[in-house]
Amino acid sequence: MSTDIIGTKHIDISPGDAGFPELRDGDCISSQENSDMMSTLTNIADKINKALDNEKTAT
């Protein structure tokens, strides 16, 4: 799962590699997150959202 610049979470799924087995019903997909990058993006998104909220209350 990833978080974009405005804080929306999404999942990117690619077709993968023929060298890996196909997923079957009930299989799980593990995620690979770069926690430092996620933390940075979350921090930026929080600051943007706070600034937008302040803008709304100021008008």
PDB file of N, CA and C in Angstrom:
ATOM      1  N   MET A   1       0.854  -1.165   0.000  1.00  0.00           N
ATOM      2  CA  MET A   1       0.000   0.000   0.000  1.00  0.00           C
ATOM      3  C   MET A   1       0.900   1.227   0.000  1.00  0.00           C
ATOM      4  N   SER A   2       0.489   2.204  -0.736  1.00  0.00           N
ATOM      5  CA  SER A   2       1.247   3.439  -0.829  1.00  0.00           C
ATOM      6  C   SER A   2       0.345   4.620  -0.505  1.00  0.00           C
ATOM      7  N   THR A   3       0.961   5.715  -0.125  1.00  0.00           N
ATOM      8  CA  THR A   3       0.240   6.949   0.116  1.00  0.00           C
ATOM      9  C   THR A   3       0.758   7.982  -0.858  1.00  0.00           C
ATOM     10  N   ASP A   4      -0.157   8.633  -1.575  1.00  0.00           N
ATOM     11  CA  ASP A   4       0.295   9.650  -2.515  1.00  0.00           C
ATOM     12  C   ASP A   4       0.490  10.977  -1.801  1.00  0.00           C
ATOM     13  N   ILE A   5       0.827  11.988  -2.529  1.00  0.00           N
ATOM     14  CA  ILE A   5       1.207  13.285  -1.964  1.00  0.00           C
ATOM     15  C   ILE A   5       0.093  13.926  -1.141  1.00  0.00           C
ATOM     16  N   ILE A   6      -1.165  13.617  -1.445  1.00  0.00           N
ATOM     17  CA  ILE A   6      -2.262  14.216  -0.674  1.00  0.00           C
ATOM     18  C   ILE A   6      -2.833  13.255   0.366  1.00  0.00           C
ATOM     19  N   GLY A   7      -2.174  12.116   0.550  1.00  0.00           N
ATOM     20  CA  GLY A   7      -2.565  11.208   1.616  1.00  0.00           C
ATOM     21  C   GLY A   7      -3.511  10.096   1.211  1.00  0.00           C
ATOM     22  N   THR A   8      -3.864  10.006  -0.048  1.00  0.00           N
ATOM     23  CA  THR A   8      -4.745   8.940  -0.496  1.00  0.00           C
ATOM     24  C   THR A   8      -3.949   7.642  -0.595  1.00  0.00           C
ATOM     25  N   LYS A   9      -4.475   6.591   0.013  1.00  0.00           N
ATOM     26  CA  LYS A   9      -3.779   5.307  -0.034  1.00  0.00           C
ATOM     27  C   LYS A   9      -4.237   4.527  -1.258  1.00  0.00           C
ATOM     28  N   HIS A  10      -3.286   3.845  -1.875  1.00  0.00           N
ATOM     29  CA  HIS A  10      -3.606   3.012  -3.020  1.00  0.00           C
ATOM     30  C   HIS A  10      -2.645   1.826  -3.081  1.00  0.00           C
ATOM     31  N   ILE A  11      -3.035   0.826  -3.834  1.00  0.00           N
ATOM     32  CA  ILE A  11      -2.223  -0.370  -3.999  1.00  0.00           C
ATOM     33  C   ILE A  11      -1.867  -0.498  -5.473  1.00  0.00           C
ATOM     34  N   ASP A  12      -0.586  -0.656  -5.753  1.00  0.00           N
ATOM     35  CA  ASP A  12      -0.119  -0.894  -7.120  1.00  0.00           C
ATOM     36  C   ASP A  12       0.150  -2.388  -7.269  1.00  0.00           C
ATOM     37  N   ILE A  13      -0.489  -2.994  -8.254  1.00  0.00           N
ATOM     38  CA  ILE A  13      -0.276  -4.413  -8.522  1.00  0.00           C
ATOM     39  C   ILE A  13       0.228  -4.545  -9.950  1.00  0.00           C
ATOM     40  N   SER A  14       1.372  -5.202 -10.108  1.00  0.00           N
ATOM     41  CA  SER A  14       1.928  -5.417 -11.441  1.00  0.00           C
ATOM     42  C   SER A  14       1.807  -6.899 -11.797  1.00  0.00           C
ATOM     43  N   PRO A  15       1.854  -7.209 -13.082  1.00  0.00           N
ATOM     44  CA  PRO A  15       1.696  -8.606 -13.504  1.00  0.00           C
ATOM     45  C   PRO A  15       2.746  -9.545 -12.928  1.00  0.00           C
ATOM     46  N   GLY A  16       3.884  -9.026 -12.563  1.00  0.00           N
ATOM     47  CA  GLY A  16       4.898  -9.868 -11.939  1.00  0.00           C
ATOM     48  C   GLY A  16       5.837 -10.508 -12.922  1.00  0.00           C
ATOM     49  N   ASP A  17       6.343 -11.643 -12.534  1.00  0.00           N
ATOM     50  CA  ASP A  17       7.377 -12.334 -13.280  1.00  0.00           C
ATOM     51  C   ASP A  17       6.949 -13.790 -13.466  1.00  0.00           C
ATOM     52  N   ALA A  18       7.155 -14.322 -14.642  1.00  0.00           N
ATOM     53  CA  ALA A  18       6.760 -15.706 -14.925  1.00  0.00           C
ATOM     54  C   ALA A  18       7.502 -16.705 -14.038  1.00  0.00           C
ATOM     55  N   GLY A  19       8.593 -16.281 -13.418  1.00  0.00           N
ATOM     56  CA  GLY A  19       9.359 -17.154 -12.541  1.00  0.00           C
ATOM     57  C   GLY A  19       8.705 -17.394 -11.192  1.00  0.00           C
ATOM     58  N   PHE A  20       7.679 -16.640 -10.877  1.00  0.00           N
ATOM     59  CA  PHE A  20       6.970 -16.796  -9.607  1.00  0.00           C
ATOM     60  C   PHE A  20       5.657 -17.539  -9.846  1.00  0.00           C
ATOM     61  N   PRO A  21       5.195 -18.299  -8.859  1.00  0.00           N
ATOM     62  CA  PRO A  21       3.938 -19.028  -9.048  1.00  0.00           C
ATOM     63  C   PRO A  21       2.741 -18.079  -9.102  1.00  0.00           C
ATOM     64  N   GLU A  22       1.690 -18.502  -9.812  1.00  0.00           N
ATOM     65  CA  GLU A  22       0.464 -17.706  -9.879  1.00  0.00           C
ATOM     66  C   GLU A  22      -0.239 -17.733  -8.531  1.00  0.00           C
ATOM     67  N   LEU A  23      -0.958 -16.660  -8.249  1.00  0.00           N
ATOM     68  CA  LEU A  23      -1.752 -16.615  -7.015  1.00  0.00           C
ATOM     69  C   LEU A  23      -2.994 -17.468  -7.187  1.00  0.00           C
ATOM     70  N   ARG A  24      -3.396 -18.096  -6.116  1.00  0.00           N
ATOM     71  CA  ARG A  24      -4.609 -18.911  -6.111  1.00  0.00           C
ATOM     72  C   ARG A  24      -5.573 -18.323  -5.085  1.00  0.00           C
ATOM     73  N   ASP A  25      -6.839 -18.710  -5.149  1.00  0.00           N
ATOM     74  CA  ASP A  25      -7.820 -18.229  -4.189  1.00  0.00           C
ATOM     75  C   ASP A  25      -7.299 -18.418  -2.770  1.00  0.00           C
ATOM     76  N   GLY A  26      -7.377 -17.356  -1.975  1.00  0.00           N
ATOM     77  CA  GLY A  26      -6.947 -17.410  -0.580  1.00  0.00           C
ATOM     78  C   GLY A  26      -5.486 -17.068  -0.361  1.00  0.00           C
ATOM     79  N   ASP A  27      -4.687 -16.942  -1.436  1.00  0.00           N
ATOM     80  CA  ASP A  27      -3.286 -16.555  -1.285  1.00  0.00           C
ATOM     81  C   ASP A  27      -3.186 -15.120  -0.785  1.00  0.00           C
ATOM     82  N   CYS A  28      -2.098 -14.797  -0.137  1.00  0.00           N
ATOM     83  CA  CYS A  28      -1.857 -13.447   0.372  1.00  0.00           C
ATOM     84  C   CYS A  28      -0.715 -12.803  -0.408  1.00  0.00           C
ATOM     85  N   ILE A  29      -0.800 -11.498  -0.547  1.00  0.00           N
ATOM     86  CA  ILE A  29       0.263 -10.720  -1.175  1.00  0.00           C
ATOM     87  C   ILE A  29       0.879  -9.858  -0.088  1.00  0.00           C
ATOM     88  N   SER A  30       2.176 -10.016   0.124  1.00  0.00           N
ATOM     89  CA  SER A  30       2.826  -9.179   1.130  1.00  0.00           C
ATOM     90  C   SER A  30       3.222  -7.859   0.493  1.00  0.00           C
ATOM     91  N   SER A  31       3.270  -6.825   1.313  1.00  0.00           N
ATOM     92  CA  SER A  31       3.633  -5.512   0.788  1.00  0.00           C
ATOM     93  C   SER A  31       5.077  -5.215   1.131  1.00  0.00           C
ATOM     94  N   GLN A  32       5.673  -4.396   0.297  1.00  0.00           N
ATOM     95  CA  GLN A  32       7.019  -3.926   0.547  1.00  0.00           C
ATOM     96  C   GLN A  32       6.942  -2.416   0.665  1.00  0.00           C
ATOM     97  N   GLU A  33       7.091  -1.928   1.880  1.00  0.00           N
ATOM     98  CA  GLU A  33       7.007  -0.493   2.113  1.00  0.00           C
ATOM     99  C   GLU A  33       8.357   0.033   2.548  1.00  0.00           C
ATOM    100  N   ASN A  34       8.652   1.187   2.089  1.00  0.00           N
ATOM    101  CA  ASN A  34       9.822   1.893   2.571  1.00  0.00           C
ATOM    102  C   ASN A  34       9.299   2.812   3.669  1.00  0.00           C
ATOM    103  N   SER A  35       9.453   2.400   4.919  1.00  0.00           N
ATOM    104  CA  SER A  35       8.839   3.135   6.021  1.00  0.00           C
ATOM    105  C   SER A  35       9.344   4.572   6.118  1.00  0.00           C
ATOM    106  N   ASP A  36      10.609   4.810   5.779  1.00  0.00           N
ATOM    107  CA  ASP A  36      11.121   6.180   5.812  1.00  0.00           C
ATOM    108  C   ASP A  36      10.400   7.043   4.781  1.00  0.00           C
ATOM    109  N   MET A  37      10.212   6.506   3.576  1.00  0.00           N
ATOM    110  CA  MET A  37       9.520   7.240   2.527  1.00  0.00           C
ATOM    111  C   MET A  37       8.054   7.432   2.910  1.00  0.00           C
ATOM    112  N   MET A  38       7.435   6.395   3.459  1.00  0.00           N
ATOM    113  CA  MET A  38       6.042   6.501   3.874  1.00  0.00           C
ATOM    114  C   MET A  38       5.889   7.559   4.957  1.00  0.00           C
ATOM    115  N   SER A  39       6.813   7.586   5.887  1.00  0.00           N
ATOM    116  CA  SER A  39       6.772   8.569   6.958  1.00  0.00           C
ATOM    117  C   SER A  39       6.905   9.981   6.403  1.00  0.00           C
ATOM    118  N   THR A  40       7.818  10.161   5.470  1.00  0.00           N
ATOM    119  CA  THR A  40       8.024  11.473   4.855  1.00  0.00           C
ATOM    120  C   THR A  40       6.785  11.910   4.082  1.00  0.00           C
ATOM    121  N   LEU A  41       6.237  11.013   3.275  1.00  0.00           N
ATOM    122  CA  LEU A  41       5.046  11.352   2.493  1.00  0.00           C
ATOM    123  C   LEU A  41       3.844  11.633   3.393  1.00  0.00           C
ATOM    124  N   THR A  42       3.703  10.856   4.443  1.00  0.00           N
ATOM    125  CA  THR A  42       2.602  11.081   5.378  1.00  0.00           C
ATOM    126  C   THR A  42       2.753  12.435   6.055  1.00  0.00           C
ATOM    127  N   ASN A  43       3.967  12.791   6.438  1.00  0.00           N
ATOM    128  CA  ASN A  43       4.243  14.076   7.066  1.00  0.00           C
ATOM    129  C   ASN A  43       3.901  15.226   6.115  1.00  0.00           C
ATOM    130  N   ILE A  44       4.320  15.105   4.855  1.00  0.00           N
ATOM    131  CA  ILE A  44       4.019  16.133   3.863  1.00  0.00           C
ATOM    132  C   ILE A  44       2.513  16.250   3.658  1.00  0.00           C
ATOM    133  N   ALA A  45       1.846  15.112   3.515  1.00  0.00           N
ATOM    134  CA  ALA A  45       0.397  15.121   3.311  1.00  0.00           C
ATOM    135  C   ALA A  45      -0.319  15.748   4.504  1.00  0.00           C
ATOM    136  N   ASP A  46       0.118  15.439   5.708  1.00  0.00           N
ATOM    137  CA  ASP A  46      -0.482  16.032   6.907  1.00  0.00           C
ATOM    138  C   ASP A  46      -0.324  17.549   6.912  1.00  0.00           C
ATOM    139  N   LYS A  47       0.860  18.024   6.539  1.00  0.00           N
ATOM    140  CA  LYS A  47       1.099  19.473   6.502  1.00  0.00           C
ATOM    141  C   LYS A  47       0.247  20.154   5.433  1.00  0.00           C
ATOM    142  N   ILE A  48       0.114  19.510   4.288  1.00  0.00           N
ATOM    143  CA  ILE A  48      -0.732  20.071   3.223  1.00  0.00           C
ATOM    144  C   ILE A  48      -2.186  20.119   3.680  1.00  0.00           C
ATOM    145  N   ASN A  49      -2.660  19.033   4.267  1.00  0.00           N
ATOM    146  CA  ASN A  49      -4.039  19.005   4.750  1.00  0.00           C
ATOM    147  C   ASN A  49      -4.281  20.050   5.835  1.00  0.00           C
ATOM    148  N   LYS A  50      -3.326  20.233   6.729  1.00  0.00           N
ATOM    149  CA  LYS A  50      -3.450  21.249   7.781  1.00  0.00           C
ATOM    150  C   LYS A  50      -3.499  22.643   7.172  1.00  0.00           C
ATOM    151  N   ALA A  51      -2.628  22.896   6.179  1.00  0.00           N
ATOM    152  CA  ALA A  51      -2.620  24.198   5.515  1.00  0.00           C
ATOM    153  C   ALA A  51      -3.944  24.453   4.800  1.00  0.00           C
ATOM    154  N   LEU A  52      -4.492  23.436   4.158  1.00  0.00           N
ATOM    155  CA  LEU A  52      -5.779  23.582   3.474  1.00  0.00           C
ATOM    156  C   LEU A  52      -6.906  23.828   4.472  1.00  0.00           C
ATOM    157  N   ASP A  53      -6.861  23.133   5.613  1.00  0.00           N
ATOM    158  CA  ASP A  53      -7.872  23.349   6.651  1.00  0.00           C
ATOM    159  C   ASP A  53      -7.772  24.774   7.197  1.00  0.00           C
ATOM    160  N   ASN A  54      -6.548  25.257   7.424  1.00  0.00           N
ATOM    161  CA  ASN A  54      -6.360  26.630   7.902  1.00  0.00           C
ATOM    162  C   ASN A  54      -6.862  27.639   6.888  1.00  0.00           C
ATOM    163  N   GLU A  55      -6.650  27.356   5.623  1.00  0.00           N
ATOM    164  CA  GLU A  55      -7.127  28.250   4.544  1.00  0.00           C
ATOM    165  C   GLU A  55      -8.657  28.327   4.556  1.00  0.00           C
ATOM    166  N   LYS A  56      -9.291  27.174   4.763  1.00  0.00           N
ATOM    167  CA  LYS A  56     -10.766  27.139   4.795  1.00  0.00           C
ATOM    168  C   LYS A  56     -11.318  27.935   5.972  1.00  0.00           C
ATOM    169  N   THR A  57     -10.691  27.819   7.134  1.00  0.00           N
ATOM    170  CA  THR A  57     -11.189  28.517   8.317  1.00  0.00           C
ATOM    171  C   THR A  57     -10.874  30.014   8.286  1.00  0.00           C
ATOM    172  N   ALA A  58      -9.849  30.388   7.519  1.00  0.00           N
ATOM    173  CA  ALA A  58      -9.459  31.802   7.452  1.00  0.00           C
ATOM    174  C   ALA A  58     -10.385  32.605   6.537  1.00  0.00           C
ATOM    175  N   THR A  59     -11.101  31.920   5.653  1.00  0.00           N
ATOM    176  CA  THR A  59     -11.981  32.645   4.729  1.00  0.00           C
ATOM    177  C   THR A  59     -13.403  32.664   5.180  1.00  0.00           C
TER     178      THR A  59
END
